[in-house]
N, C-alpha and C. Protein backbone atom coordinates (compact mmCIF):
# COMPACT_ATOMS: atom_id res chain seq x y z
N MET A 1 17.82 24.94 8.68
CA MET A 1 18.80 23.65 8.21
C MET A 1 19.77 24.26 7.37
N SER A 2 21.11 24.49 7.79
CA SER A 2 22.43 24.45 7.13
C SER A 2 23.26 23.33 6.48
N PHE A 3 23.41 23.42 5.59
CA PHE A 3 24.17 22.53 4.56
C PHE A 3 24.78 23.09 3.46
N THR A 4 25.55 22.39 2.41
CA THR A 4 26.45 22.71 1.50
C THR A 4 25.88 21.69 0.34
N ILE A 5 25.76 22.01 -1.08
CA ILE A 5 26.14 21.26 -2.32
C ILE A 5 27.42 21.41 -2.38
N ARG A 6 28.05 20.11 -2.76
CA ARG A 6 29.04 19.98 -3.71
C ARG A 6 29.13 18.66 -4.42
N GLU A 7 30.07 18.22 -5.33
CA GLU A 7 30.50 17.10 -5.59
C GLU A 7 30.59 15.89 -4.60
N ALA A 8 29.68 14.85 -4.67
CA ALA A 8 30.50 13.71 -3.80
C ALA A 8 31.85 13.28 -3.86
N VAL A 9 32.72 13.00 -2.78
CA VAL A 9 34.01 12.24 -3.34
C VAL A 9 33.96 11.29 -2.50
N SER A 10 33.83 10.98 -1.18
CA SER A 10 34.44 9.95 -0.30
C SER A 10 33.43 9.02 -0.48
N GLU A 11 34.48 7.68 -0.31
CA GLU A 11 33.95 6.36 0.00
C GLU A 11 32.52 6.43 0.76
N ALA A 12 32.54 6.95 1.87
CA ALA A 12 31.66 7.22 3.19
C ALA A 12 30.48 8.22 2.53
N GLU A 13 30.57 9.20 2.24
CA GLU A 13 29.26 9.33 1.23
C GLU A 13 28.87 8.87 0.37
N TRP A 14 29.52 8.25 -0.49
CA TRP A 14 29.04 7.28 -1.67
C TRP A 14 28.11 6.20 -1.04
N GLN A 15 28.28 5.72 0.21
CA GLN A 15 27.74 5.07 1.19
C GLN A 15 26.06 5.13 1.65
N GLN A 16 26.38 6.27 2.03
CA GLN A 16 25.12 7.28 2.75
C GLN A 16 24.43 7.28 1.21
N ILE A 17 24.90 7.86 0.02
CA ILE A 17 23.91 7.96 -1.41
C ILE A 17 23.19 7.03 -1.36
N VAL A 18 23.63 5.67 -1.83
CA VAL A 18 22.92 4.59 -2.21
C VAL A 18 22.20 4.18 -1.38
N GLU A 19 22.51 4.08 0.29
CA GLU A 19 21.35 3.80 1.08
C GLU A 19 20.41 5.43 1.05
N LEU A 20 20.51 6.05 0.53
CA LEU A 20 19.36 7.19 0.55
C LEU A 20 18.85 6.77 -1.09
N LEU A 21 19.38 6.19 -1.67
CA LEU A 21 18.92 6.19 -3.16
C LEU A 21 17.75 4.92 -2.81
N ARG A 22 18.03 3.99 -2.46
CA ARG A 22 17.41 2.96 -2.46
C ARG A 22 16.28 2.89 -1.14
N SER A 23 16.01 3.64 -0.28
CA SER A 23 15.36 4.09 0.69
C SER A 23 14.40 4.97 -0.07
N VAL A 24 14.65 5.77 -0.81
CA VAL A 24 13.24 6.78 -1.53
C VAL A 24 12.90 5.77 -2.48
N TYR A 25 14.15 5.18 -3.78
CA TYR A 25 13.21 4.64 -4.81
C TYR A 25 12.92 2.90 -4.45
N VAL A 26 13.50 1.89 -3.80
CA VAL A 26 12.88 0.76 -3.49
C VAL A 26 11.99 1.09 -2.22
N GLY A 27 12.63 1.63 -1.24
CA GLY A 27 11.66 1.62 0.07
C GLY A 27 10.45 2.29 -0.60
N GLN A 28 9.94 3.28 -1.19
CA GLN A 28 8.95 3.93 -1.21
C GLN A 28 8.24 3.09 -2.70
N GLY A 29 8.76 2.17 -2.81
CA GLY A 29 8.20 1.75 -4.22
C GLY A 29 7.72 2.14 -5.58
N TYR A 30 8.93 3.41 -6.19
CA TYR A 30 9.36 3.94 -7.51
C TYR A 30 10.37 2.69 -8.04
N SER A 31 10.79 1.86 -7.48
CA SER A 31 11.48 0.99 -8.04
C SER A 31 12.24 -0.55 -7.75
N LYS A 32 12.42 -0.98 -8.40
CA LYS A 32 12.31 -2.49 -8.19
C LYS A 32 13.81 -2.96 -7.45
N VAL A 33 13.78 -4.03 -6.78
CA VAL A 33 15.05 -4.26 -5.86
C VAL A 33 16.18 -4.55 -7.00
N SER A 34 15.36 -5.69 -8.25
CA SER A 34 17.10 -6.03 -9.14
C SER A 34 17.31 -4.78 -9.62
N TRP A 35 16.55 -3.82 -10.00
CA TRP A 35 17.35 -2.69 -10.63
C TRP A 35 18.35 -2.21 -9.78
N ALA A 36 17.87 -1.64 -8.55
CA ALA A 36 18.76 -1.12 -7.43
C ALA A 36 19.90 -1.99 -7.16
N ASP A 37 19.79 -3.06 -7.63
CA ASP A 37 20.96 -4.15 -7.11
C ASP A 37 21.77 -3.84 -8.19
N LEU A 38 21.22 -3.87 -9.48
CA LEU A 38 22.35 -3.80 -11.00
C LEU A 38 22.93 -2.19 -10.85
N THR A 39 22.06 -1.22 -10.35
CA THR A 39 22.38 0.57 -10.75
C THR A 39 22.78 1.23 -9.26
N LEU A 40 22.43 1.23 -8.38
CA LEU A 40 22.64 1.80 -7.29
C LEU A 40 23.89 1.42 -6.72
N HIS A 41 25.09 1.81 -7.30
CA HIS A 41 26.66 1.89 -6.83
C HIS A 41 27.12 3.19 -7.33
N ARG A 42 28.54 3.13 -6.61
CA ARG A 42 29.52 4.18 -6.94
C ARG A 42 30.11 3.80 -8.14
N ALA A 43 30.36 2.17 -8.40
CA ALA A 43 30.88 2.12 -10.07
C ALA A 43 30.02 2.08 -11.07
N VAL A 44 28.96 2.17 -10.74
CA VAL A 44 28.12 2.42 -12.05
C VAL A 44 27.50 3.67 -12.14
N LEU A 45 27.07 4.62 -11.24
CA LEU A 45 26.70 6.13 -11.10
C LEU A 45 28.35 6.81 -11.24
N GLU A 46 28.75 6.93 -10.74
CA GLU A 46 30.29 7.92 -10.93
C GLU A 46 30.56 8.30 -12.00
N PRO A 47 31.05 6.91 -13.07
CA PRO A 47 31.31 7.43 -14.52
C PRO A 47 30.29 7.97 -15.52
N GLU A 48 28.92 8.30 -14.87
CA GLU A 48 27.88 8.53 -15.52
C GLU A 48 27.80 9.92 -15.56
N GLY A 49 28.20 10.54 -14.12
CA GLY A 49 27.99 11.62 -14.13
C GLY A 49 28.71 12.69 -13.13
N VAL A 50 27.90 13.98 -12.52
CA VAL A 50 28.78 14.48 -11.55
C VAL A 50 27.17 14.23 -10.50
N GLY A 51 28.05 13.58 -9.61
CA GLY A 51 27.00 12.97 -8.08
C GLY A 51 27.15 14.55 -7.28
N LEU A 52 25.83 15.32 -6.97
CA LEU A 52 26.13 16.21 -6.68
C LEU A 52 25.22 16.08 -5.03
N VAL A 53 25.82 16.51 -3.97
CA VAL A 53 25.24 15.86 -2.49
C VAL A 53 25.27 17.08 -1.84
N ALA A 54 23.84 16.76 -0.67
CA ALA A 54 24.16 18.00 -0.26
C ALA A 54 24.16 17.17 1.37
N VAL A 55 25.23 18.24 2.15
CA VAL A 55 25.65 17.20 3.62
C VAL A 55 25.54 18.65 4.42
N GLU A 56 25.18 18.22 5.61
CA GLU A 56 25.18 19.06 6.72
C GLU A 56 26.73 19.46 7.20
N GLU A 57 26.92 20.14 8.18
CA GLU A 57 28.26 20.53 8.59
C GLU A 57 29.31 19.20 9.47
N HIS A 58 28.74 17.91 9.39
CA HIS A 58 29.13 17.16 10.19
C HIS A 58 29.24 16.07 9.26
N GLY A 59 28.90 16.04 7.87
CA GLY A 59 28.88 15.17 6.99
C GLY A 59 28.10 14.44 6.44
N THR A 60 26.75 14.60 7.00
CA THR A 60 25.89 13.56 7.03
C THR A 60 25.00 13.88 5.49
N VAL A 61 24.81 12.96 4.73
CA VAL A 61 24.45 13.68 3.64
C VAL A 61 22.90 13.84 3.38
N LEU A 62 22.36 14.33 3.18
CA LEU A 62 20.61 15.19 3.12
C LEU A 62 19.99 15.02 1.59
N GLY A 63 21.02 14.74 0.59
CA GLY A 63 20.38 14.74 -0.76
C GLY A 63 21.39 14.65 -1.82
N PHE A 64 20.76 14.04 -2.70
CA PHE A 64 21.87 13.56 -3.87
C PHE A 64 21.15 13.73 -4.77
N THR A 65 21.62 13.99 -6.48
CA THR A 65 21.00 13.95 -7.78
C THR A 65 22.48 13.88 -8.51
N LEU A 66 22.29 13.22 -9.77
CA LEU A 66 23.42 12.94 -10.75
C LEU A 66 23.14 13.34 -12.09
N LEU A 67 24.09 14.72 -12.12
CA LEU A 67 24.15 15.59 -13.13
C LEU A 67 24.53 14.57 -14.34
N LEU A 68 23.93 13.94 -15.60
CA LEU A 68 24.83 13.14 -16.26
C LEU A 68 25.54 13.71 -16.93
N HIS A 69 26.56 13.11 -17.80
CA HIS A 69 28.03 13.65 -18.86
C HIS A 69 26.96 13.49 -19.95
N PRO A 70 26.93 14.49 -21.18
CA PRO A 70 26.77 14.04 -22.12
C PRO A 70 26.92 13.28 -22.87
N GLU A 71 28.20 12.35 -22.61
CA GLU A 71 28.29 10.97 -23.29
C GLU A 71 27.59 9.66 -22.23
N SER A 72 26.80 10.30 -21.30
CA SER A 72 26.53 9.41 -20.08
C SER A 72 25.45 8.16 -20.96
N THR A 73 25.58 6.50 -20.82
CA THR A 73 24.58 6.01 -20.89
C THR A 73 23.59 5.41 -20.69
N MET A 74 23.54 6.52 -19.74
CA MET A 74 22.08 6.62 -18.22
C MET A 74 21.20 7.29 -19.02
N ARG A 75 21.43 8.42 -20.06
CA ARG A 75 20.75 9.66 -20.34
C ARG A 75 19.77 9.04 -21.72
N GLN A 76 18.64 9.53 -20.96
CA GLN A 76 17.58 8.82 -22.12
C GLN A 76 16.55 9.78 -22.58
N LEU A 77 16.95 10.87 -22.30
CA LEU A 77 15.86 12.25 -23.14
C LEU A 77 16.67 13.36 -23.57
N ALA A 78 17.85 14.09 -23.17
CA ALA A 78 18.81 14.58 -23.55
C ALA A 78 19.31 14.64 -25.17
N GLY A 79 18.63 15.37 -25.77
CA GLY A 79 19.17 15.86 -27.04
C GLY A 79 20.08 16.92 -26.79
N SER A 80 20.58 16.96 -28.69
CA SER A 80 21.93 18.10 -28.88
C SER A 80 21.94 19.21 -27.99
N ASN A 81 22.90 19.54 -27.19
CA ASN A 81 23.31 20.58 -26.14
C ASN A 81 22.02 20.52 -25.17
N GLU A 82 21.75 19.29 -24.90
CA GLU A 82 21.11 19.40 -23.73
C GLU A 82 21.42 18.82 -22.89
N ARG A 83 21.63 19.05 -20.97
CA ARG A 83 21.82 18.38 -19.99
C ARG A 83 20.74 17.76 -19.53
N GLU A 84 20.78 16.40 -18.66
CA GLU A 84 19.55 15.80 -17.99
C GLU A 84 20.27 15.62 -16.51
N PHE A 85 18.89 15.09 -15.46
CA PHE A 85 19.84 14.81 -14.35
C PHE A 85 18.81 13.95 -13.90
N ARG A 86 19.21 12.79 -13.04
CA ARG A 86 18.34 11.80 -12.58
C ARG A 86 18.43 11.55 -11.45
N LEU A 87 17.56 11.11 -10.20
CA LEU A 87 17.82 10.47 -8.99
C LEU A 87 18.16 11.54 -8.05
N LEU A 88 17.18 12.25 -7.97
CA LEU A 88 16.80 13.34 -6.90
C LEU A 88 16.51 12.56 -5.73
N ALA A 89 17.15 12.60 -4.71
CA ALA A 89 16.52 12.23 -3.56
C ALA A 89 16.99 12.92 -2.69
N VAL A 90 15.52 13.13 -1.40
CA VAL A 90 16.10 14.01 -0.25
C VAL A 90 16.03 13.12 1.11
N THR A 91 16.45 13.20 2.24
CA THR A 91 16.19 12.40 2.99
C THR A 91 14.95 12.95 3.91
N ASP A 92 13.92 11.70 4.25
CA ASP A 92 13.20 12.77 5.49
C ASP A 92 13.09 13.83 6.30
N VAL A 93 14.34 13.79 6.60
CA VAL A 93 14.49 14.95 7.90
C VAL A 93 14.79 16.01 7.23
N ALA A 94 15.11 16.00 5.82
CA ALA A 94 15.43 17.16 4.91
C ALA A 94 14.35 17.62 4.09
N ARG A 95 13.36 16.78 4.17
CA ARG A 95 12.24 17.27 3.05
C ARG A 95 11.55 19.05 3.54
N GLY A 96 11.71 19.43 2.41
CA GLY A 96 10.79 20.86 2.90
C GLY A 96 11.66 22.35 3.53
N GLN A 97 13.05 21.40 3.57
CA GLN A 97 13.90 22.28 4.16
C GLN A 97 14.72 22.92 2.91
N GLY A 98 14.64 23.26 1.55
CA GLY A 98 15.36 23.56 0.67
C GLY A 98 16.41 22.66 -0.21
N VAL A 99 16.72 21.18 0.51
CA VAL A 99 17.58 20.89 0.05
C VAL A 99 17.93 19.87 -1.51
N GLY A 100 16.10 19.94 -1.96
CA GLY A 100 16.07 19.33 -3.30
C GLY A 100 16.37 20.44 -4.18
N GLN A 101 15.58 21.62 -4.10
CA GLN A 101 15.42 22.90 -4.63
C GLN A 101 17.31 23.60 -4.74
N ALA A 102 17.93 23.44 -4.07
CA ALA A 102 19.24 23.72 -3.84
C ALA A 102 19.86 22.46 -4.91
N LEU A 103 19.93 21.19 -4.74
CA LEU A 103 20.53 20.28 -5.83
C LEU A 103 19.66 20.85 -7.02
N ILE A 104 18.53 21.06 -7.18
CA ILE A 104 18.42 21.38 -8.85
C ILE A 104 19.05 22.74 -9.15
N GLN A 105 18.95 23.72 -8.46
CA GLN A 105 19.73 24.98 -8.82
C GLN A 105 21.53 24.63 -9.04
N ALA A 106 21.56 23.65 -8.45
CA ALA A 106 23.19 23.51 -8.67
C ALA A 106 23.17 22.82 -10.18
N CYS A 107 21.95 21.81 -10.62
CA CYS A 107 22.21 21.19 -11.95
C CYS A 107 22.31 22.30 -12.91
N ILE A 108 21.33 23.46 -12.77
CA ILE A 108 21.08 24.56 -13.55
C ILE A 108 22.09 25.23 -13.65
N ASP A 109 22.58 25.75 -12.88
CA ASP A 109 23.90 26.53 -12.55
C ASP A 109 25.08 25.93 -13.54
N ARG A 110 25.26 24.17 -12.94
CA ARG A 110 26.52 23.89 -13.71
C ARG A 110 25.95 23.33 -15.27
N SER A 111 24.98 23.32 -15.64
CA SER A 111 24.34 23.12 -17.23
C SER A 111 24.68 24.48 -17.69
N ARG A 112 23.94 25.36 -17.32
CA ARG A 112 24.15 26.69 -17.71
C ARG A 112 25.51 27.43 -18.29
N GLY A 113 26.64 26.89 -17.15
CA GLY A 113 27.50 26.94 -17.42
C GLY A 113 28.39 26.71 -18.48
N ALA A 114 27.90 24.90 -18.43
CA ALA A 114 28.62 24.56 -19.67
C ALA A 114 27.88 24.77 -20.89
N GLY A 115 27.07 25.50 -21.17
CA GLY A 115 26.73 26.11 -22.29
C GLY A 115 25.25 25.32 -22.97
N ALA A 116 24.98 24.67 -22.25
CA ALA A 116 23.34 23.82 -22.46
C ALA A 116 22.51 24.73 -23.11
N ASN A 117 21.51 24.36 -23.51
CA ASN A 117 20.44 25.34 -24.13
C ASN A 117 19.00 25.21 -23.17
N ALA A 118 19.36 23.76 -22.65
CA ALA A 118 18.13 23.01 -21.74
C ALA A 118 18.67 22.21 -21.09
N LEU A 119 18.10 21.76 -19.69
CA LEU A 119 18.05 20.90 -19.02
C LEU A 119 16.78 20.08 -18.71
N VAL A 120 17.08 18.75 -18.47
CA VAL A 120 15.83 17.82 -18.85
C VAL A 120 15.93 17.00 -18.12
N LEU A 121 14.48 16.24 -17.54
CA LEU A 121 14.31 14.98 -16.53
C LEU A 121 13.24 14.38 -16.76
N TRP A 122 12.74 13.48 -16.41
CA TRP A 122 11.47 12.64 -16.05
C TRP A 122 11.69 11.92 -14.71
N THR A 123 10.06 11.91 -14.46
CA THR A 123 9.46 11.30 -13.17
C THR A 123 8.44 10.93 -13.47
N GLN A 124 8.21 10.16 -12.36
CA GLN A 124 7.00 9.08 -12.40
C GLN A 124 5.64 10.24 -11.76
N PRO A 125 4.47 9.60 -12.38
CA PRO A 125 3.02 10.39 -12.48
C PRO A 125 2.94 10.40 -10.73
N THR A 126 3.28 9.76 -9.91
CA THR A 126 3.03 9.53 -8.41
C THR A 126 4.08 10.64 -7.51
N MET A 127 4.88 11.16 -8.12
CA MET A 127 6.12 11.86 -7.48
C MET A 127 5.89 13.03 -7.55
N VAL A 128 4.54 13.43 -7.05
CA VAL A 128 3.81 14.87 -7.24
C VAL A 128 4.48 15.62 -6.25
N ALA A 129 5.24 15.65 -5.33
CA ALA A 129 5.76 16.36 -4.72
C ALA A 129 7.25 17.20 -5.40
N ALA A 130 8.06 16.47 -6.41
CA ALA A 130 9.20 16.69 -6.96
C ALA A 130 8.19 17.35 -8.37
N GLN A 131 6.89 17.13 -8.57
CA GLN A 131 7.07 18.04 -9.99
C GLN A 131 6.25 19.05 -9.80
N ARG A 132 5.85 19.41 -8.32
CA ARG A 132 5.64 20.62 -8.19
C ARG A 132 7.40 21.90 -7.68
N LEU A 133 7.91 20.96 -7.11
CA LEU A 133 9.11 21.19 -7.19
C LEU A 133 9.91 21.78 -8.42
N TYR A 134 9.74 21.17 -9.70
CA TYR A 134 10.32 21.47 -10.72
C TYR A 134 9.27 22.80 -11.26
N GLN A 135 8.16 22.39 -11.56
CA GLN A 135 7.36 23.46 -11.62
C GLN A 135 8.01 24.70 -11.01
N ARG A 136 7.68 25.09 -10.14
CA ARG A 136 8.03 26.15 -8.86
C ARG A 136 9.53 26.70 -9.56
N LEU A 137 10.44 25.75 -9.92
CA LEU A 137 12.09 26.32 -10.60
C LEU A 137 11.71 26.64 -12.29
N GLY A 138 10.59 26.99 -12.65
CA GLY A 138 10.65 27.24 -13.84
C GLY A 138 10.41 26.28 -14.87
N PHE A 139 10.42 24.42 -14.76
CA PHE A 139 10.60 23.63 -15.78
C PHE A 139 9.00 23.41 -15.83
N ALA A 140 9.27 23.61 -17.23
CA ALA A 140 7.29 22.91 -17.93
C ALA A 140 7.53 21.57 -18.63
N ARG A 141 6.19 20.98 -18.48
CA ARG A 141 5.98 19.88 -18.78
C ARG A 141 6.01 19.87 -20.52
N MET A 142 6.87 19.16 -20.73
CA MET A 142 7.19 18.50 -22.25
C MET A 142 6.41 17.46 -22.43
N ALA A 143 4.99 16.81 -22.63
CA ALA A 143 4.28 16.23 -22.40
C ALA A 143 4.48 15.36 -23.90
N ASP A 144 5.12 16.10 -24.79
CA ASP A 144 5.43 15.21 -26.32
C ASP A 144 6.82 14.64 -26.33
N ARG A 145 7.45 15.02 -25.35
CA ARG A 145 8.87 13.87 -25.12
C ARG A 145 8.21 12.80 -24.18
N ASP A 146 7.17 12.25 -23.21
CA ASP A 146 6.76 11.64 -22.49
C ASP A 146 7.08 10.17 -23.51
N GLN A 147 7.79 9.59 -21.91
CA GLN A 147 8.03 7.94 -22.66
C GLN A 147 6.97 7.04 -22.31
N PRO A 148 6.95 5.99 -22.71
CA PRO A 148 6.51 4.48 -22.03
C PRO A 148 7.64 4.12 -21.04
N ASP A 149 7.23 3.79 -19.91
CA ASP A 149 7.79 2.84 -19.00
C ASP A 149 7.80 1.56 -18.59
N GLU A 150 8.68 0.58 -18.93
CA GLU A 150 8.09 -0.86 -18.52
C GLU A 150 7.14 -1.14 -17.53
N ARG A 151 6.77 -0.27 -16.61
CA ARG A 151 6.32 -0.88 -15.49
C ARG A 151 4.37 -0.30 -15.60
N GLY A 152 4.40 0.40 -16.68
CA GLY A 152 2.94 0.45 -16.59
C GLY A 152 2.66 1.61 -16.50
N PHE A 153 3.67 2.66 -17.01
CA PHE A 153 3.42 4.42 -16.92
C PHE A 153 3.72 4.67 -17.66
N SER A 154 4.17 6.28 -17.93
CA SER A 154 4.40 7.23 -18.85
C SER A 154 5.41 8.14 -18.03
N ARG A 155 6.56 8.02 -18.52
CA ARG A 155 7.48 8.44 -17.88
C ARG A 155 6.94 10.17 -18.50
N MET A 156 6.92 11.34 -17.50
CA MET A 156 6.51 12.48 -17.63
C MET A 156 7.60 13.64 -17.66
N VAL A 157 8.30 13.86 -18.63
CA VAL A 157 9.30 14.66 -18.95
C VAL A 157 9.17 16.39 -18.58
N PHE A 158 10.42 16.81 -18.14
CA PHE A 158 10.26 18.13 -17.82
C PHE A 158 11.42 19.11 -18.14
N GLY A 159 11.37 20.21 -18.65
CA GLY A 159 12.67 20.51 -19.33
C GLY A 159 12.56 21.99 -18.69
N LEU A 160 13.87 22.63 -18.92
CA LEU A 160 13.87 24.29 -18.68
C LEU A 160 14.98 24.54 -19.54
N GLY A 161 14.63 25.66 -19.99
CA GLY A 161 15.37 26.42 -21.34
C GLY A 161 16.32 27.13 -20.06
N LEU A 162 17.80 27.09 -20.76
CA LEU A 162 18.55 28.16 -20.13
C LEU A 162 19.58 28.81 -20.65
N LYS A 163 18.84 29.17 -22.13
CA LYS A 163 19.50 30.24 -23.00
C LYS A 163 18.45 31.88 -23.03
């Protein structure tokens, strides 16, 4: 499967991104509709970070993640000189094709290029495939930084040293 990783720019891309995020996070039961209605909009997400998108040759969005700005109000984990990414999502048709890995690698490269010491994220216990991907890319569990979630589980924190 051929695709390119770049920053999301067009309204058409953002419409596809929002549909993808809703499909993955709400459709698969990870998040509530009320949260998605408040959060999953270009106007909310774009100011918070760099929207990285995987697109195929004709512009179809295959995956997305948001590399948060250091001053983002969506940051929940990142400490001093750490970067954080959120909302990794890949379409069903693109799963297992390297899209998620390429999006994460873009976050790693950008974070390292910005001089960050580490890249961190949190995931839900039920997101087992994502956890395997993070570990394959060198992320380690940081259980001491896990956080309780109001939905009744612990947010599992992973981090990757960049120095």
